[in-house]
Amino acid sequence: MTEQEPEEDRPRTDSKGRHAPLREDEVERAFDTIVARGRPRLFRTMPELLASGTIAGVEISLGVLAFLYVEQATGSQLLAGLAFGVGFIALLLGNSELFTEGFLVPIAVVLAREAGWWRLARFWLATLGGNLLGGWVSMWMVVRAFPGLQSMAIETGEKFAESGFELRTFLLAVLAGSTMTLLTRMRIGTGDDVARVLASLATAFLVAGLSMYHSVLDTLFIFGGIHAGADYGYLSWLAFFGWTVLGNAVGGIGLTTFLRLVRSHERLYEWRRTAPASHRP
């Protein structure tokens, strides 16, 4: 009989028998980074979550201000979309986050059994609540500090507040959710700050410049219009918001997050298999 090969000397393989050199190391390292960075976010205290979400609402309003100013000055929505990138850069360098940036990373953490579903729910609720609160206050300041932008704020907000429940608007929301989650993945995939800034600008161009429907970003346009005295009000906003959040979730979770997790399913399985018993359902 041949001597059995020691466990530590055997080549490491996954559930499909593939040796380590044949696995996609870059993808697996990225998944490890997602879980490692995401876990602390889910274990923040409620005041920390609310503060982070509120800061993000304030910071993204800088992008809304830049958008309104550039579109009024140039008449070009595409240029205004590029200017909106100011807000995404502020989020990136300020380490704050919007609700729709919280799809891929927190879900991966929960599925890896590093946190429970309740922590994901409180993370989403606190982040979204903070985004809306910070955005509401900051847009009041914007329309008061720049009265010349009030008519533009009303006009831009009206486009979203009165858009209605249509397939077109839902698909625009799906695209926005998918694009924002892709931005999250691109930022994690590189340590180059220049590349991350360029990714932020490109995403701003797509989402704001092409009028995709984003539940938080476009809410700030509506809030700006309401503060400026628009005919539409909070009921119109609520209808828009519910429809758009659904589309964002379908795009961000159902498309981008799901497909990314399928691609990394072997590494996800390994995380689940080695998770502490206290983290398992």
C-alpha atoms as a PDB file:
ATOM      1  CA  MET A   1       0.000   0.000   0.000  1.00  0.00           C
ATOM      2  CA  THR A   2       1.187   3.462  -0.792  1.00  0.00           C
ATOM      3  CA  GLU A   3       1.524   5.901   2.032  1.00  0.00           C
ATOM      4  CA  GLN A   4      -1.350   8.378   2.134  1.00  0.00           C
ATOM      5  CA  GLU A   5      -0.324  11.862   1.142  1.00  0.00           C
ATOM      6  CA  PRO A   6      -0.386  14.272   4.107  1.00  0.00           C
ATOM      7  CA  GLU A   7      -3.368  16.639   4.071  1.00  0.00           C
ATOM      8  CA  GLU A   8      -1.192  19.756   4.035  1.00  0.00           C
ATOM      9  CA  ASP A   9       0.782  18.506   1.005  1.00  0.00           C
ATOM     10  CA  ARG A  10      -2.230  17.910  -1.195  1.00  0.00           C
ATOM     11  CA  PRO A  11      -3.042  20.488  -3.871  1.00  0.00           C
ATOM     12  CA  ARG A  12      -5.927  22.700  -2.827  1.00  0.00           C
ATOM     13  CA  THR A  13      -8.979  22.193  -4.982  1.00  0.00           C
ATOM     14  CA  ASP A  14     -12.473  23.586  -5.038  1.00  0.00           C
ATOM     15  CA  SER A  15     -15.736  21.646  -5.138  1.00  0.00           C
ATOM     16  CA  LYS A  16     -15.245  20.996  -8.853  1.00  0.00           C
ATOM     17  CA  GLY A  17     -11.756  19.547  -8.379  1.00  0.00           C
ATOM     18  CA  ARG A  18      -9.945  22.525  -9.897  1.00  0.00           C
ATOM     19  CA  HIS A  19      -6.463  23.176  -8.532  1.00  0.00           C
ATOM     20  CA  ALA A  20      -5.732  26.595  -7.115  1.00  0.00           C
ATOM     21  CA  PRO A  21      -3.640  27.811 -10.101  1.00  0.00           C
ATOM     22  CA  LEU A  22      -6.606  27.181 -12.393  1.00  0.00           C
ATOM     23  CA  ARG A  23      -8.990  29.326 -10.381  1.00  0.00           C
ATOM     24  CA  GLU A  24      -9.677  32.978 -11.075  1.00  0.00           C
ATOM     25  CA  ASP A  25      -7.540  34.458  -8.331  1.00  0.00           C
ATOM     26  CA  GLU A  26      -8.372  38.062  -9.217  1.00  0.00           C
ATOM     27  CA  VAL A  27     -12.100  37.443  -8.921  1.00  0.00           C
ATOM     28  CA  GLU A  28     -11.696  35.575  -5.652  1.00  0.00           C
ATOM     29  CA  ARG A  29      -9.442  38.243  -4.151  1.00  0.00           C
ATOM     30  CA  ALA A  30     -12.031  40.842  -5.088  1.00  0.00           C
ATOM     31  CA  PHE A  31     -14.736  38.823  -3.348  1.00  0.00           C
ATOM     32  CA  ASP A  32     -12.585  38.543  -0.230  1.00  0.00           C
ATOM     33  CA  THR A  33     -12.116  42.307  -0.309  1.00  0.00           C
ATOM     34  CA  ILE A  34     -15.861  42.845  -0.630  1.00  0.00           C
ATOM     35  CA  VAL A  35     -16.566  40.738   2.452  1.00  0.00           C
ATOM     36  CA  ALA A  36     -13.689  42.195   4.475  1.00  0.00           C
ATOM     37  CA  ARG A  37     -14.700  45.789   3.747  1.00  0.00           C
ATOM     38  CA  GLY A  38     -18.404  45.205   4.023  1.00  0.00           C
ATOM     39  CA  ARG A  39     -18.600  43.410   7.342  1.00  0.00           C
ATOM     40  CA  PRO A  40     -17.642  46.426   9.520  1.00  0.00           C
ATOM     41  CA  ARG A  41     -20.290  48.521   7.773  1.00  0.00           C
ATOM     42  CA  LEU A  42     -23.047  46.173   8.878  1.00  0.00           C
ATOM     43  CA  PHE A  43     -21.840  46.260  12.474  1.00  0.00           C
ATOM     44  CA  ARG A  44     -21.914  50.042  12.848  1.00  0.00           C
ATOM     45  CA  THR A  45     -24.159  51.487  15.525  1.00  0.00           C
ATOM     46  CA  MET A  46     -27.433  53.068  14.472  1.00  0.00           C
ATOM     47  CA  PRO A  47     -26.155  56.638  15.096  1.00  0.00           C
ATOM     48  CA  GLU A  48     -23.114  55.871  12.931  1.00  0.00           C
ATOM     49  CA  LEU A  49     -25.290  54.518  10.117  1.00  0.00           C
ATOM     50  CA  LEU A  50     -27.617  57.521  10.244  1.00  0.00           C
ATOM     51  CA  ALA A  51     -24.700  59.952  10.318  1.00  0.00           C
ATOM     52  CA  SER A  52     -23.003  58.271   7.358  1.00  0.00           C
ATOM     53  CA  GLY A  53     -26.221  58.286   5.341  1.00  0.00           C
ATOM     54  CA  THR A  54     -26.961  61.918   6.187  1.00  0.00           C
ATOM     55  CA  ILE A  55     -23.457  63.003   5.207  1.00  0.00           C
ATOM     56  CA  ALA A  56     -23.908  61.227   1.875  1.00  0.00           C
ATOM     57  CA  GLY A  57     -27.178  63.089   1.282  1.00  0.00           C
ATOM     58  CA  VAL A  58     -25.429  66.394   1.906  1.00  0.00           C
ATOM     59  CA  GLU A  59     -22.427  65.514  -0.255  1.00  0.00           C
ATOM     60  CA  ILE A  60     -24.441  64.319  -3.247  1.00  0.00           C
ATOM     61  CA  SER A  61     -26.365  67.602  -3.184  1.00  0.00           C
ATOM     62  CA  LEU A  62     -23.136  69.227  -4.382  1.00  0.00           C
ATOM     63  CA  GLY A  63     -23.527  67.202  -7.554  1.00  0.00           C
ATOM     64  CA  VAL A  64     -27.142  68.343  -7.886  1.00  0.00           C
ATOM     65  CA  LEU A  65     -26.035  71.957  -7.458  1.00  0.00           C
ATOM     66  CA  ALA A  66     -23.364  71.533 -10.130  1.00  0.00           C
ATOM     67  CA  PHE A  67     -25.871  69.855 -12.469  1.00  0.00           C
ATOM     68  CA  LEU A  68     -28.450  72.637 -12.133  1.00  0.00           C
ATOM     69  CA  TYR A  69     -25.895  75.398 -12.561  1.00  0.00           C
ATOM     70  CA  VAL A  70     -24.221  73.885 -15.634  1.00  0.00           C
ATOM     71  CA  GLU A  71     -27.487  72.968 -17.357  1.00  0.00           C
ATOM     72  CA  GLN A  72     -28.859  76.464 -16.811  1.00  0.00           C
ATOM     73  CA  ALA A  73     -25.638  78.044 -18.077  1.00  0.00           C
ATOM     74  CA  THR A  74     -25.100  75.791 -21.107  1.00  0.00           C
ATOM     75  CA  GLY A  75     -28.448  74.155 -21.865  1.00  0.00           C
ATOM     76  CA  SER A  76     -26.594  70.845 -22.184  1.00  0.00           C
ATOM     77  CA  GLN A  77     -27.759  67.955 -20.042  1.00  0.00           C
ATOM     78  CA  LEU A  78     -24.709  65.919 -21.043  1.00  0.00           C
ATOM     79  CA  LEU A  79     -22.324  68.563 -19.703  1.00  0.00           C
ATOM     80  CA  ALA A  80     -24.483  68.849 -16.619  1.00  0.00           C
ATOM     81  CA  GLY A  81     -24.178  65.095 -16.163  1.00  0.00           C
ATOM     82  CA  LEU A  82     -20.398  65.375 -16.156  1.00  0.00           C
ATOM     83  CA  ALA A  83     -20.633  68.192 -13.626  1.00  0.00           C
ATOM     84  CA  PHE A  84     -22.763  65.930 -11.457  1.00  0.00           C
ATOM     85  CA  GLY A  85     -19.634  63.847 -10.999  1.00  0.00           C
ATOM     86  CA  VAL A  86     -18.622  66.317  -8.288  1.00  0.00           C
ATOM     87  CA  GLY A  87     -21.107  64.604  -6.007  1.00  0.00           C
ATOM     88  CA  PHE A  88     -19.812  61.098  -6.722  1.00  0.00           C
ATOM     89  CA  ILE A  89     -16.235  62.213  -6.134  1.00  0.00           C
ATOM     90  CA  ALA A  90     -17.285  63.724  -2.806  1.00  0.00           C
ATOM     91  CA  LEU A  91     -18.884  60.403  -1.838  1.00  0.00           C
ATOM     92  CA  LEU A  92     -15.773  58.491  -2.875  1.00  0.00           C
ATOM     93  CA  LEU A  93     -13.211  60.624  -1.070  1.00  0.00           C
ATOM     94  CA  GLY A  94     -15.490  61.276   1.893  1.00  0.00           C
ATOM     95  CA  ASN A  95     -16.095  57.535   2.474  1.00  0.00           C
ATOM     96  CA  SER A  96     -19.862  57.960   2.622  1.00  0.00           C
ATOM     97  CA  GLU A  97     -22.437  56.061   0.611  1.00  0.00           C
ATOM     98  CA  LEU A  98     -25.836  56.209  -0.990  1.00  0.00           C
ATOM     99  CA  PHE A  99     -28.541  53.623  -0.448  1.00  0.00           C
ATOM    100  CA  THR A 100     -28.042  52.126  -3.916  1.00  0.00           C
ATOM    101  CA  GLU A 101     -24.325  51.653  -3.243  1.00  0.00           C
ATOM    102  CA  GLY A 102     -25.327  49.219  -0.509  1.00  0.00           C
ATOM    103  CA  PHE A 103     -26.470  46.298  -2.650  1.00  0.00           C
ATOM    104  CA  LEU A 104     -23.452  44.222  -3.706  1.00  0.00           C
ATOM    105  CA  VAL A 105     -21.202  44.535  -0.653  1.00  0.00           C
ATOM    106  CA  PRO A 106     -23.680  44.053   2.235  1.00  0.00           C
ATOM    107  CA  ILE A 107     -25.530  41.244   0.466  1.00  0.00           C
ATOM    108  CA  ALA A 108     -22.235  39.441  -0.149  1.00  0.00           C
ATOM    109  CA  VAL A 109     -21.402  39.767   3.548  1.00  0.00           C
ATOM    110  CA  VAL A 110     -24.731  38.265   4.601  1.00  0.00           C
ATOM    111  CA  LEU A 111     -24.573  35.421   2.087  1.00  0.00           C
ATOM    112  CA  ALA A 112     -21.027  34.680   3.269  1.00  0.00           C
ATOM    113  CA  ARG A 113     -22.555  34.249   6.745  1.00  0.00           C
ATOM    114  CA  GLU A 114     -20.506  37.067   8.220  1.00  0.00           C
ATOM    115  CA  ALA A 115     -23.646  38.926   9.338  1.00  0.00           C
ATOM    116  CA  GLY A 116     -27.373  38.320   9.616  1.00  0.00           C
ATOM    117  CA  TRP A 117     -30.266  39.581   7.509  1.00  0.00           C
ATOM    118  CA  TRP A 118     -31.424  41.882  10.296  1.00  0.00           C
ATOM    119  CA  ARG A 119     -28.161  43.816  10.086  1.00  0.00           C
ATOM    120  CA  LEU A 120     -28.639  44.200   6.351  1.00  0.00           C
ATOM    121  CA  ALA A 121     -32.176  45.546   6.858  1.00  0.00           C
ATOM    122  CA  ARG A 122     -31.110  48.098   9.480  1.00  0.00           C
ATOM    123  CA  PHE A 123     -28.172  49.132   7.278  1.00  0.00           C
ATOM    124  CA  TRP A 124     -30.490  49.802   4.343  1.00  0.00           C
ATOM    125  CA  LEU A 125     -33.122  51.621   6.397  1.00  0.00           C
ATOM    126  CA  ALA A 126     -30.644  53.832   8.237  1.00  0.00           C
ATOM    127  CA  THR A 127     -28.647  54.655   5.105  1.00  0.00           C
ATOM    128  CA  LEU A 128     -31.742  55.488   3.080  1.00  0.00           C
ATOM    129  CA  GLY A 129     -33.260  57.551   5.891  1.00  0.00           C
ATOM    130  CA  GLY A 130     -30.027  59.477   6.304  1.00  0.00           C
ATOM    131  CA  ASN A 131     -29.733  60.062   2.544  1.00  0.00           C
ATOM    132  CA  LEU A 132     -33.231  61.537   2.400  1.00  0.00           C
ATOM    133  CA  LEU A 133     -32.787  63.689   5.497  1.00  0.00           C
ATOM    134  CA  GLY A 134     -29.434  65.075   4.397  1.00  0.00           C
ATOM    135  CA  GLY A 135     -30.691  65.660   0.866  1.00  0.00           C
ATOM    136  CA  TRP A 136     -33.864  67.421   2.012  1.00  0.00           C
ATOM    137  CA  VAL A 137     -31.975  69.861   4.240  1.00  0.00           C
ATOM    138  CA  SER A 138     -29.166  70.508   1.782  1.00  0.00           C
ATOM    139  CA  MET A 139     -31.536  71.156  -1.140  1.00  0.00           C
ATOM    140  CA  TRP A 140     -33.397  73.707   0.992  1.00  0.00           C
ATOM    141  CA  MET A 141     -30.073  75.473   1.460  1.00  0.00           C
ATOM    142  CA  VAL A 142     -29.233  75.244  -2.244  1.00  0.00           C
ATOM    143  CA  VAL A 143     -32.439  76.870  -3.498  1.00  0.00           C
ATOM    144  CA  ARG A 144     -32.189  79.580  -0.832  1.00  0.00           C
ATOM    145  CA  ALA A 145     -28.512  80.285  -1.452  1.00  0.00           C
ATOM    146  CA  PHE A 146     -28.902  80.274  -5.264  1.00  0.00           C
ATOM    147  CA  PRO A 147     -32.331  81.802  -5.997  1.00  0.00           C
ATOM    148  CA  GLY A 148     -31.422  82.048  -9.672  1.00  0.00           C
ATOM    149  CA  LEU A 149     -31.555  78.261  -9.883  1.00  0.00           C
ATOM    150  CA  GLN A 150     -35.089  77.921  -8.532  1.00  0.00           C
ATOM    151  CA  SER A 151     -36.822  77.789 -11.905  1.00  0.00           C
ATOM    152  CA  MET A 152     -34.334  75.196 -13.134  1.00  0.00           C
ATOM    153  CA  ALA A 153     -34.847  73.169  -9.953  1.00  0.00           C
ATOM    154  CA  ILE A 154     -38.627  73.199 -10.472  1.00  0.00           C
ATOM    155  CA  GLU A 155     -38.314  72.207 -14.128  1.00  0.00           C
ATOM    156  CA  THR A 156     -35.846  69.391 -13.464  1.00  0.00           C
ATOM    157  CA  GLY A 157     -37.781  68.023 -10.505  1.00  0.00           C
ATOM    158  CA  GLU A 158     -41.035  68.064 -12.469  1.00  0.00           C
ATOM    159  CA  LYS A 159     -39.586  65.686 -15.044  1.00  0.00           C
ATOM    160  CA  PHE A 160     -39.245  63.034 -12.339  1.00  0.00           C
ATOM    161  CA  ALA A 161     -42.159  63.882 -10.041  1.00  0.00           C
ATOM    162  CA  GLU A 162     -44.727  63.651 -12.837  1.00  0.00           C
ATOM    163  CA  SER A 163     -43.203  60.832 -14.878  1.00  0.00           C
ATOM    164  CA  GLY A 164     -45.810  58.208 -13.942  1.00  0.00           C
ATOM    165  CA  PHE A 165     -45.750  54.427 -13.756  1.00  0.00           C
ATOM    166  CA  GLU A 166     -44.471  53.441 -17.177  1.00  0.00           C
ATOM    167  CA  LEU A 167     -42.303  50.617 -18.471  1.00  0.00           C
ATOM    168  CA  ARG A 168     -39.821  53.186 -19.766  1.00  0.00           C
ATOM    169  CA  THR A 169     -39.322  54.828 -16.375  1.00  0.00           C
ATOM    170  CA  PHE A 170     -39.058  51.452 -14.649  1.00  0.00           C
ATOM    171  CA  LEU A 171     -36.363  50.311 -17.073  1.00  0.00           C
ATOM    172  CA  LEU A 172     -34.493  53.583 -16.555  1.00  0.00           C
ATOM    173  CA  ALA A 173     -34.561  52.786 -12.832  1.00  0.00           C
ATOM    174  CA  VAL A 174     -33.309  49.247 -13.489  1.00  0.00           C
ATOM    175  CA  LEU A 175     -30.420  50.634 -15.535  1.00  0.00           C
ATOM    176  CA  ALA A 176     -29.569  53.158 -12.827  1.00  0.00           C
ATOM    177  CA  GLY A 177     -29.506  50.498 -10.106  1.00  0.00           C
ATOM    178  CA  SER A 178     -27.331  48.223 -12.203  1.00  0.00           C
ATOM    179  CA  THR A 179     -24.946  51.051 -13.106  1.00  0.00           C
ATOM    180  CA  MET A 180     -24.553  52.240  -9.518  1.00  0.00           C
ATOM    181  CA  THR A 181     -23.795  48.711  -8.313  1.00  0.00           C
ATOM    182  CA  LEU A 182     -21.270  48.353 -11.119  1.00  0.00           C
ATOM    183  CA  LEU A 183     -19.628  51.545  -9.831  1.00  0.00           C
ATOM    184  CA  THR A 184     -19.302  49.916  -6.408  1.00  0.00           C
ATOM    185  CA  ARG A 185     -17.610  46.889  -7.959  1.00  0.00           C
ATOM    186  CA  MET A 186     -15.261  49.020 -10.067  1.00  0.00           C
ATOM    187  CA  ARG A 187     -14.136  51.006  -7.031  1.00  0.00           C
ATOM    188  CA  ILE A 188     -13.376  47.800  -5.149  1.00  0.00           C
ATOM    189  CA  GLY A 189     -11.581  46.309  -8.142  1.00  0.00           C
ATOM    190  CA  THR A 190      -8.812  48.901  -8.185  1.00  0.00           C
ATOM    191  CA  GLY A 191      -6.623  50.661  -5.665  1.00  0.00           C
ATOM    192  CA  ASP A 192      -5.821  53.452  -8.107  1.00  0.00           C
ATOM    193  CA  ASP A 193      -7.550  56.635  -6.939  1.00  0.00           C
ATOM    194  CA  VAL A 194      -7.388  58.174 -10.419  1.00  0.00           C
ATOM    195  CA  ALA A 195      -9.196  55.173 -11.896  1.00  0.00           C
ATOM    196  CA  ARG A 196     -11.823  55.362  -9.154  1.00  0.00           C
ATOM    197  CA  VAL A 197     -12.411  59.051  -9.837  1.00  0.00           C
ATOM    198  CA  LEU A 198     -12.739  58.374 -13.568  1.00  0.00           C
ATOM    199  CA  ALA A 199     -15.231  55.597 -12.850  1.00  0.00           C
ATOM    200  CA  SER A 200     -17.234  58.034 -10.722  1.00  0.00           C
ATOM    201  CA  LEU A 201     -17.296  60.629 -13.508  1.00  0.00           C
ATOM    202  CA  ALA A 202     -18.304  58.042 -16.111  1.00  0.00           C
ATOM    203  CA  THR A 203     -21.139  56.818 -13.899  1.00  0.00           C
ATOM    204  CA  ALA A 204     -22.337  60.373 -13.279  1.00  0.00           C
ATOM    205  CA  PHE A 205     -22.418  60.955 -17.031  1.00  0.00           C
ATOM    206  CA  LEU A 206     -24.529  57.850 -17.577  1.00  0.00           C
ATOM    207  CA  VAL A 207     -26.925  58.215 -14.653  1.00  0.00           C
ATOM    208  CA  ALA A 208     -27.433  61.994 -14.566  1.00  0.00           C
ATOM    209  CA  GLY A 209     -26.503  62.936 -18.124  1.00  0.00           C
ATOM    210  CA  LEU A 210     -28.805  60.327 -19.681  1.00  0.00           C
ATOM    211  CA  SER A 211     -31.637  60.840 -17.157  1.00  0.00           C
ATOM    212  CA  MET A 212     -31.672  57.394 -15.647  1.00  0.00           C
ATOM    213  CA  TYR A 213     -34.009  57.139 -12.682  1.00  0.00           C
ATOM    214  CA  HIS A 214     -32.195  56.990  -9.359  1.00  0.00           C
ATOM    215  CA  SER A 215     -34.288  56.908  -6.196  1.00  0.00           C
ATOM    216  CA  VAL A 216     -32.009  59.133  -4.106  1.00  0.00           C
ATOM    217  CA  LEU A 217     -30.350  61.380  -6.682  1.00  0.00           C
ATOM    218  CA  ASP A 218     -33.567  62.316  -8.446  1.00  0.00           C
ATOM    219  CA  THR A 219     -35.347  62.711  -5.122  1.00  0.00           C
ATOM    220  CA  LEU A 220     -32.993  65.618  -4.460  1.00  0.00           C
ATOM    221  CA  PHE A 221     -34.108  67.251  -7.717  1.00  0.00           C
ATOM    222  CA  ILE A 222     -37.718  66.866  -6.605  1.00  0.00           C
ATOM    223  CA  PHE A 223     -36.954  68.218  -3.129  1.00  0.00           C
ATOM    224  CA  GLY A 224     -35.251  71.190  -4.744  1.00  0.00           C
ATOM    225  CA  GLY A 225     -38.329  71.888  -6.828  1.00  0.00           C
ATOM    226  CA  ILE A 226     -40.641  71.566  -3.818  1.00  0.00           C
ATOM    227  CA  HIS A 227     -38.490  73.956  -1.787  1.00  0.00           C
ATOM    228  CA  ALA A 228     -38.557  76.376  -4.731  1.00  0.00           C
ATOM    229  CA  GLY A 229     -42.381  76.422  -4.786  1.00  0.00           C
ATOM    230  CA  ALA A 230     -43.281  73.840  -7.432  1.00  0.00           C
ATOM    231  CA  ASP A 231     -46.879  72.700  -7.968  1.00  0.00           C
ATOM    232  CA  TYR A 232     -45.975  69.060  -7.334  1.00  0.00           C
ATOM    233  CA  GLY A 233     -45.551  67.904  -3.752  1.00  0.00           C
ATOM    234  CA  TYR A 234     -44.580  65.046  -1.501  1.00  0.00           C
ATOM    235  CA  LEU A 235     -47.313  62.684  -2.705  1.00  0.00           C
ATOM    236  CA  SER A 236     -45.910  62.932  -6.223  1.00  0.00           C
ATOM    237  CA  TRP A 237     -42.450  62.324  -4.812  1.00  0.00           C
ATOM    238  CA  LEU A 238     -43.617  59.283  -2.857  1.00  0.00           C
ATOM    239  CA  ALA A 239     -45.117  57.680  -5.967  1.00  0.00           C
ATOM    240  CA  PHE A 240     -41.926  58.349  -7.920  1.00  0.00           C
ATOM    241  CA  PHE A 241     -39.774  57.091  -5.074  1.00  0.00           C
ATOM    242  CA  GLY A 242     -41.574  53.777  -4.601  1.00  0.00           C
ATOM    243  CA  TRP A 243     -41.547  52.997  -8.325  1.00  0.00           C
ATOM    244  CA  THR A 244     -37.895  53.954  -8.701  1.00  0.00           C
ATOM    245  CA  VAL A 245     -36.639  52.100  -5.617  1.00  0.00           C
ATOM    246  CA  LEU A 246     -38.211  48.933  -6.994  1.00  0.00           C
ATOM    247  CA  GLY A 247     -36.470  49.386 -10.337  1.00  0.00           C
ATOM    248  CA  ASN A 248     -33.143  50.234  -8.689  1.00  0.00           C
ATOM    249  CA  ALA A 249     -33.373  47.060  -6.598  1.00  0.00           C
ATOM    250  CA  VAL A 250     -34.142  44.913  -9.638  1.00  0.00           C
ATOM    251  CA  GLY A 251     -31.141  46.338 -11.469  1.00  0.00           C
ATOM    252  CA  GLY A 252     -28.723  46.519  -8.569  1.00  0.00           C
ATOM    253  CA  ILE A 253     -29.633  43.257  -6.844  1.00  0.00           C
ATOM    254  CA  GLY A 254     -31.347  41.163  -9.499  1.00  0.00           C
ATOM    255  CA  LEU A 255     -28.826  41.879 -12.241  1.00  0.00           C
ATOM    256  CA  THR A 256     -25.413  43.122 -11.140  1.00  0.00           C
ATOM    257  CA  THR A 257     -25.197  41.682  -7.628  1.00  0.00           C
ATOM    258  CA  PHE A 258     -26.698  38.306  -8.559  1.00  0.00           C
ATOM    259  CA  LEU A 259     -24.422  37.824 -11.561  1.00  0.00           C
ATOM    260  CA  ARG A 260     -21.330  38.887  -9.617  1.00  0.00           C
ATOM    261  CA  LEU A 261     -22.130  36.413  -6.880  1.00  0.00           C
ATOM    262  CA  VAL A 262     -22.723  33.640  -9.416  1.00  0.00           C
ATOM    263  CA  ARG A 263     -19.295  34.367 -10.851  1.00  0.00           C
ATOM    264  CA  SER A 264     -17.747  34.090  -7.370  1.00  0.00           C
ATOM    265  CA  HIS A 265     -19.959  31.254  -6.147  1.00  0.00           C
ATOM    266  CA  GLU A 266     -17.079  28.900  -5.328  1.00  0.00           C
ATOM    267  CA  ARG A 267     -15.427  31.433  -3.063  1.00  0.00           C
ATOM    268  CA  LEU A 268     -18.795  32.311  -1.540  1.00  0.00           C
ATOM    269  CA  TYR A 269     -19.349  28.635  -0.752  1.00  0.00           C
ATOM    270  CA  GLU A 270     -15.980  28.480   0.998  1.00  0.00           C
ATOM    271  CA  TRP A 271     -16.869  31.495   3.142  1.00  0.00           C
ATOM    272  CA  ARG A 272     -20.192  29.915   4.088  1.00  0.00           C
ATOM    273  CA  ARG A 273     -18.573  26.577   4.909  1.00  0.00           C
ATOM    274  CA  THR A 274     -16.011  28.127   7.266  1.00  0.00           C
ATOM    275  CA  ALA A 275     -18.310  30.704   8.869  1.00  0.00           C
ATOM    276  CA  PRO A 276     -18.634  30.601  12.667  1.00  0.00           C
ATOM    277  CA  ALA A 277     -21.656  28.647  13.851  1.00  0.00           C
ATOM    278  CA  SER A 278     -23.045  31.790  15.488  1.00  0.00           C
ATOM    279  CA  HIS A 279     -23.369  33.428  12.061  1.00  0.00           C
ATOM    280  CA  ARG A 280     -25.274  30.574  10.452  1.00  0.00           C
ATOM    281  CA  PRO A 281     -29.065  30.716  10.152  1.00  0.00           C
END
